[in-house]
Amino acid sequence: MNIMKKIIVYSTPTCVYCRMAKDFLTDKNIPFTEYDLSKDIPKREEVIKKTGQMAVPVIEVDGETMIGFDEGQLSKMLGI
């Protein structure tokens, strides 16, 4: 699948839904950038500023933000 969108996944290592989101993208061969909020404090602060909360995963597709993992919604955001 050739998706030319900028995809960012903000996650933590212990988050089950983060793993599900990353597995979903990987299984569909969709490249993404991942930030581990347990280690990347500036990115953690960026997510809190963007969303008003510290919840993961936060998934951005071309600037459109989704909090949590919903396969249907993410597919729609990706246009697949």
N, C-alpha and C. Protein backbone atom coordinates (compact mmCIF):
# COMPACT_ATOMS: atom_id res chain seq x y z
N MET A 1 0.85 -1.17 0.00
CA MET A 1 0.00 0.00 0.00
C MET A 1 0.89 1.23 0.00
N ASN A 2 0.62 2.16 -0.87
CA ASN A 2 1.46 3.34 -1.01
C ASN A 2 0.71 4.57 -0.50
N ILE A 3 0.91 4.84 0.77
CA ILE A 3 0.25 5.99 1.38
C ILE A 3 1.29 7.07 1.60
N MET A 4 1.05 8.23 1.01
CA MET A 4 2.01 9.32 1.08
C MET A 4 1.56 10.35 2.10
N LYS A 5 1.23 9.91 3.28
CA LYS A 5 0.81 10.80 4.34
C LYS A 5 1.86 10.78 5.44
N LYS A 6 1.96 11.88 6.17
CA LYS A 6 2.88 11.94 7.29
C LYS A 6 2.14 11.39 8.51
N ILE A 7 2.65 10.28 9.04
CA ILE A 7 2.00 9.62 10.16
C ILE A 7 2.94 9.59 11.35
N ILE A 8 2.43 10.06 12.49
CA ILE A 8 3.20 10.05 13.73
C ILE A 8 2.39 9.29 14.77
N VAL A 9 3.07 8.40 15.50
CA VAL A 9 2.44 7.68 16.60
C VAL A 9 3.20 8.04 17.87
N TYR A 10 2.51 8.67 18.81
CA TYR A 10 3.06 8.96 20.13
C TYR A 10 2.60 7.83 21.03
N SER A 11 3.55 7.16 21.67
CA SER A 11 3.20 5.95 22.42
C SER A 11 4.06 5.79 23.66
N THR A 12 3.76 4.74 24.41
CA THR A 12 4.60 4.30 25.52
C THR A 12 4.77 2.79 25.38
N PRO A 13 5.87 2.26 25.91
CA PRO A 13 6.15 0.82 25.72
C PRO A 13 5.13 -0.12 26.35
N THR A 14 4.43 0.30 27.39
CA THR A 14 3.52 -0.60 28.09
C THR A 14 2.07 -0.50 27.60
N CYS A 15 1.81 0.36 26.63
CA CYS A 15 0.44 0.61 26.15
C CYS A 15 0.02 -0.42 25.10
N VAL A 16 -1.00 -1.20 25.43
CA VAL A 16 -1.49 -2.25 24.54
C VAL A 16 -2.06 -1.64 23.25
N TYR A 17 -2.81 -0.55 23.38
CA TYR A 17 -3.41 0.08 22.21
C TYR A 17 -2.36 0.72 21.30
N CYS A 18 -1.27 1.17 21.90
CA CYS A 18 -0.15 1.70 21.10
C CYS A 18 0.41 0.58 20.22
N ARG A 19 0.61 -0.58 20.82
CA ARG A 19 1.14 -1.74 20.09
C ARG A 19 0.17 -2.13 18.98
N MET A 20 -1.12 -2.12 19.27
CA MET A 20 -2.12 -2.47 18.25
C MET A 20 -2.07 -1.49 17.08
N ALA A 21 -1.94 -0.21 17.38
CA ALA A 21 -1.88 0.81 16.33
C ALA A 21 -0.64 0.63 15.47
N LYS A 22 0.50 0.40 16.11
CA LYS A 22 1.76 0.22 15.36
C LYS A 22 1.73 -1.07 14.55
N ASP A 23 1.15 -2.13 15.11
CA ASP A 23 1.03 -3.39 14.37
C ASP A 23 0.12 -3.22 13.16
N PHE A 24 -0.98 -2.48 13.33
CA PHE A 24 -1.91 -2.21 12.23
C PHE A 24 -1.17 -1.52 11.08
N LEU A 25 -0.43 -0.47 11.40
CA LEU A 25 0.31 0.27 10.36
C LEU A 25 1.39 -0.61 9.72
N THR A 26 2.12 -1.35 10.55
CA THR A 26 3.19 -2.22 10.05
C THR A 26 2.62 -3.32 9.15
N ASP A 27 1.53 -3.94 9.58
CA ASP A 27 0.90 -5.01 8.78
C ASP A 27 0.45 -4.52 7.41
N LYS A 28 0.11 -3.24 7.32
CA LYS A 28 -0.34 -2.66 6.05
C LYS A 28 0.82 -1.97 5.30
N ASN A 29 2.05 -2.17 5.81
CA ASN A 29 3.25 -1.58 5.20
C ASN A 29 3.15 -0.06 5.07
N ILE A 30 2.58 0.57 6.10
CA ILE A 30 2.44 2.02 6.12
C ILE A 30 3.53 2.58 7.03
N PRO A 31 4.45 3.37 6.47
CA PRO A 31 5.52 3.92 7.30
C PRO A 31 5.01 4.99 8.26
N PHE A 32 5.61 5.04 9.45
CA PHE A 32 5.24 6.04 10.43
C PHE A 32 6.44 6.37 11.30
N THR A 33 6.36 7.53 11.93
CA THR A 33 7.38 7.95 12.88
C THR A 33 6.80 7.72 14.27
N GLU A 34 7.61 7.15 15.15
CA GLU A 34 7.13 6.87 16.50
C GLU A 34 7.94 7.67 17.51
N TYR A 35 7.24 8.21 18.50
CA TYR A 35 7.89 8.87 19.61
C TYR A 35 7.47 8.17 20.89
N ASP A 36 8.45 7.76 21.69
CA ASP A 36 8.21 7.08 22.96
C ASP A 36 8.09 8.16 24.04
N LEU A 37 6.88 8.41 24.49
CA LEU A 37 6.65 9.48 25.46
C LEU A 37 7.16 9.16 26.85
N SER A 38 7.56 7.91 27.09
CA SER A 38 8.14 7.58 28.39
C SER A 38 9.58 8.09 28.46
N LYS A 39 10.19 8.35 27.31
CA LYS A 39 11.58 8.81 27.25
C LYS A 39 11.72 10.21 26.68
N ASP A 40 10.83 10.60 25.79
CA ASP A 40 10.94 11.87 25.07
C ASP A 40 10.06 12.93 25.75
N ILE A 41 10.65 13.62 26.72
CA ILE A 41 9.89 14.59 27.51
C ILE A 41 9.38 15.76 26.66
N PRO A 42 10.18 16.34 25.75
CA PRO A 42 9.64 17.42 24.92
C PRO A 42 8.44 16.98 24.08
N LYS A 43 8.47 15.76 23.54
CA LYS A 43 7.33 15.26 22.76
C LYS A 43 6.13 15.02 23.67
N ARG A 44 6.38 14.56 24.89
CA ARG A 44 5.29 14.35 25.86
C ARG A 44 4.59 15.69 26.12
N GLU A 45 5.38 16.74 26.34
CA GLU A 45 4.82 18.07 26.58
C GLU A 45 4.06 18.58 25.36
N GLU A 46 4.58 18.25 24.15
CA GLU A 46 3.93 18.64 22.90
C GLU A 46 2.54 17.99 22.79
N VAL A 47 2.45 16.71 23.15
CA VAL A 47 1.18 15.98 23.08
C VAL A 47 0.18 16.56 24.08
N ILE A 48 0.64 16.84 25.29
CA ILE A 48 -0.24 17.41 26.31
C ILE A 48 -0.76 18.77 25.83
N LYS A 49 0.12 19.55 25.21
CA LYS A 49 -0.29 20.86 24.70
C LYS A 49 -1.31 20.71 23.56
N LYS A 50 -1.11 19.74 22.68
CA LYS A 50 -2.01 19.51 21.54
C LYS A 50 -3.37 18.97 21.96
N THR A 51 -3.35 18.03 22.92
CA THR A 51 -4.58 17.30 23.23
C THR A 51 -5.20 17.70 24.57
N GLY A 52 -4.44 18.38 25.41
CA GLY A 52 -4.94 18.74 26.73
C GLY A 52 -4.92 17.59 27.71
N GLN A 53 -4.30 16.48 27.34
CA GLN A 53 -4.24 15.33 28.23
C GLN A 53 -3.02 14.47 27.94
N MET A 54 -2.74 13.56 28.85
CA MET A 54 -1.64 12.61 28.65
C MET A 54 -2.27 11.24 28.46
N ALA A 55 -2.71 10.97 27.26
CA ALA A 55 -3.29 9.68 26.91
C ALA A 55 -2.56 9.18 25.67
N VAL A 56 -2.35 7.89 25.59
CA VAL A 56 -1.71 7.30 24.42
C VAL A 56 -2.54 6.13 23.95
N PRO A 57 -2.43 5.76 22.69
CA PRO A 57 -1.63 6.44 21.68
C PRO A 57 -2.31 7.72 21.19
N VAL A 58 -1.49 8.61 20.71
CA VAL A 58 -1.96 9.75 19.94
C VAL A 58 -1.41 9.54 18.55
N ILE A 59 -2.30 9.51 17.56
CA ILE A 59 -1.90 9.24 16.18
C ILE A 59 -2.24 10.46 15.35
N GLU A 60 -1.24 10.93 14.61
CA GLU A 60 -1.46 12.06 13.70
C GLU A 60 -1.29 11.59 12.27
N VAL A 61 -2.25 11.95 11.44
CA VAL A 61 -2.18 11.66 10.00
C VAL A 61 -2.32 13.01 9.30
N ASP A 62 -1.22 13.48 8.72
CA ASP A 62 -1.21 14.79 8.06
C ASP A 62 -1.82 15.88 8.94
N GLY A 63 -1.46 15.87 10.22
CA GLY A 63 -1.91 16.91 11.14
C GLY A 63 -3.25 16.66 11.80
N GLU A 64 -4.01 15.66 11.32
CA GLU A 64 -5.29 15.30 11.94
C GLU A 64 -4.99 14.34 13.09
N THR A 65 -5.52 14.66 14.27
CA THR A 65 -5.15 13.92 15.48
C THR A 65 -6.26 13.00 15.94
N MET A 66 -5.85 11.78 16.33
CA MET A 66 -6.76 10.81 16.93
C MET A 66 -6.14 10.38 18.26
N ILE A 67 -6.95 10.40 19.31
CA ILE A 67 -6.49 9.91 20.61
C ILE A 67 -7.05 8.52 20.79
N GLY A 68 -6.16 7.57 21.10
CA GLY A 68 -6.57 6.18 21.22
C GLY A 68 -6.42 5.48 19.87
N PHE A 69 -6.83 4.22 19.82
CA PHE A 69 -6.73 3.46 18.57
C PHE A 69 -8.10 2.91 18.20
N ASP A 70 -8.58 3.35 17.05
CA ASP A 70 -9.82 2.86 16.48
C ASP A 70 -9.50 2.51 15.03
N GLU A 71 -9.47 1.22 14.73
CA GLU A 71 -9.04 0.76 13.41
C GLU A 71 -9.87 1.39 12.28
N GLY A 72 -11.18 1.47 12.48
CA GLY A 72 -12.05 2.05 11.46
C GLY A 72 -11.76 3.51 11.23
N GLN A 73 -11.62 4.26 12.31
CA GLN A 73 -11.34 5.69 12.19
C GLN A 73 -9.97 5.93 11.57
N LEU A 74 -8.97 5.12 11.99
CA LEU A 74 -7.63 5.28 11.43
C LEU A 74 -7.63 4.95 9.94
N SER A 75 -8.34 3.90 9.55
CA SER A 75 -8.43 3.54 8.13
C SER A 75 -9.03 4.68 7.34
N LYS A 76 -10.06 5.33 7.90
CA LYS A 76 -10.70 6.45 7.25
C LYS A 76 -9.71 7.62 7.11
N MET A 77 -8.97 7.90 8.17
CA MET A 77 -7.98 8.98 8.13
C MET A 77 -6.89 8.71 7.08
N LEU A 78 -6.58 7.42 6.91
CA LEU A 78 -5.54 7.03 5.95
C LEU A 78 -6.09 6.93 4.53
N GLY A 79 -7.41 6.88 4.40
CA GLY A 79 -8.02 6.75 3.09
C GLY A 79 -7.92 5.34 2.53
N ILE A 80 -7.98 4.34 3.43
CA ILE A 80 -7.90 2.94 2.98
C ILE A 80 -9.16 2.17 3.35
